[in-house]
Protein backbone atom coordinates (compact mmCIF):
# COMPACT_ATOMS: atom_id res chain seq x y z
CA MET A 1 98.23 108.70 83.75
CA THR A 2 99.55 109.30 87.21
CA THR A 3 102.97 108.21 88.56
CA THR A 4 103.43 107.59 92.26
CA THR A 5 106.70 106.95 93.98
CA LEU A 6 106.70 105.05 97.22
CA GLU A 7 109.44 104.12 99.60
CA VAL A 8 109.15 100.57 100.90
CA THR A 9 111.36 99.06 103.63
CA GLY A 10 111.98 95.32 104.28
CA LEU A 11 112.52 94.02 100.76
CA THR A 12 115.54 91.77 100.43
CA CYS A 13 115.29 89.83 97.24
CA GLY A 14 113.41 89.35 93.94
CA ASN A 15 110.72 87.32 95.71
CA CYS A 16 109.97 90.29 97.88
CA VAL A 17 109.70 92.44 94.75
CA ARG A 18 107.19 89.94 93.32
CA HIS A 19 104.93 90.16 96.23
CA VAL A 20 104.75 93.84 96.52
CA THR A 21 104.23 94.01 92.64
CA GLU A 22 101.44 91.60 92.82
CA GLU A 23 99.66 93.33 95.59
CA LEU A 24 99.85 96.83 94.00
CA THR A 25 98.98 95.57 90.57
CA GLY A 26 95.76 94.30 92.05
CA LEU A 27 94.66 97.90 93.02
CA ASP A 28 92.07 99.40 90.68
CA GLY A 29 93.65 101.49 87.79
CA VAL A 30 97.26 100.43 88.22
CA ARG A 31 98.96 99.80 85.02
CA GLU A 32 102.48 99.13 85.98
CA VAL A 33 104.66 98.62 88.99
CA THR A 34 108.45 98.82 88.91
CA VAL A 35 110.80 98.33 91.86
CA ASP A 36 114.30 99.61 92.43
CA LEU A 37 115.40 96.93 95.10
CA ILE A 38 117.82 98.20 97.67
CA ALA A 39 118.15 94.88 99.69
CA GLY A 40 117.84 95.62 103.46
CA GLY A 41 117.42 99.26 102.77
CA THR A 42 114.58 101.45 101.35
CA SER A 43 113.49 100.37 97.99
CA THR A 44 111.88 102.77 95.49
CA VAL A 45 108.55 101.61 94.16
CA THR A 46 107.12 103.32 91.13
CA VAL A 47 103.35 102.85 90.36
CA THR A 48 101.69 104.02 86.98
CA SER A 49 97.95 104.21 87.25
CA ASP A 50 95.04 105.65 85.49
CA GLY A 51 94.58 108.42 88.20
CA PRO A 52 95.48 109.13 91.68
CA LEU A 53 95.58 106.12 94.18
CA ASP A 54 93.89 105.79 97.42
CA PRO A 55 96.67 106.20 100.00
CA GLN A 56 94.95 103.87 102.43
CA ALA A 57 94.58 101.19 99.71
CA VAL A 58 98.24 101.58 98.85
CA ARG A 59 99.32 101.17 102.46
CA GLU A 60 97.09 98.17 102.94
CA ALA A 61 98.49 96.54 99.64
CA VAL A 62 102.18 97.00 100.93
CA ASP A 63 101.17 95.73 104.46
CA GLU A 64 99.52 92.73 102.90
CA ALA A 65 102.67 91.85 101.03
CA GLY A 66 104.51 91.93 104.41
CA TYR A 67 106.46 95.20 104.07
CA GLU A 68 106.41 98.80 105.41
CA LEU A 69 105.47 101.78 103.43
CA LEU A 70 107.36 104.88 104.65
CA ASP A 71 105.38 108.20 105.21
CA HIS A 72 106.51 111.27 103.29
C-alpha cells in the first residue's frame, strides 16, 4: 500500500470534500481517501492506494472536482 498526501485549496464544506473524494476514488488502485477540511484554506487530502499514483491523473481528478492541487 502507498499513502499519498496532497494539499488542495478551494474546499469550503462537506460537499467540496465529497466531490474531491469521488474524483480521487475513481482513480485506478485507490482504496481510501480522507480529507482534513480547512475551509477557505489549504486542506490535506490523504490517498491510500495499491501503489504509486500517476501525478497527472491526480491533478486532473482534483481539477475535475473544481479545486486546485498545490505543487510541492
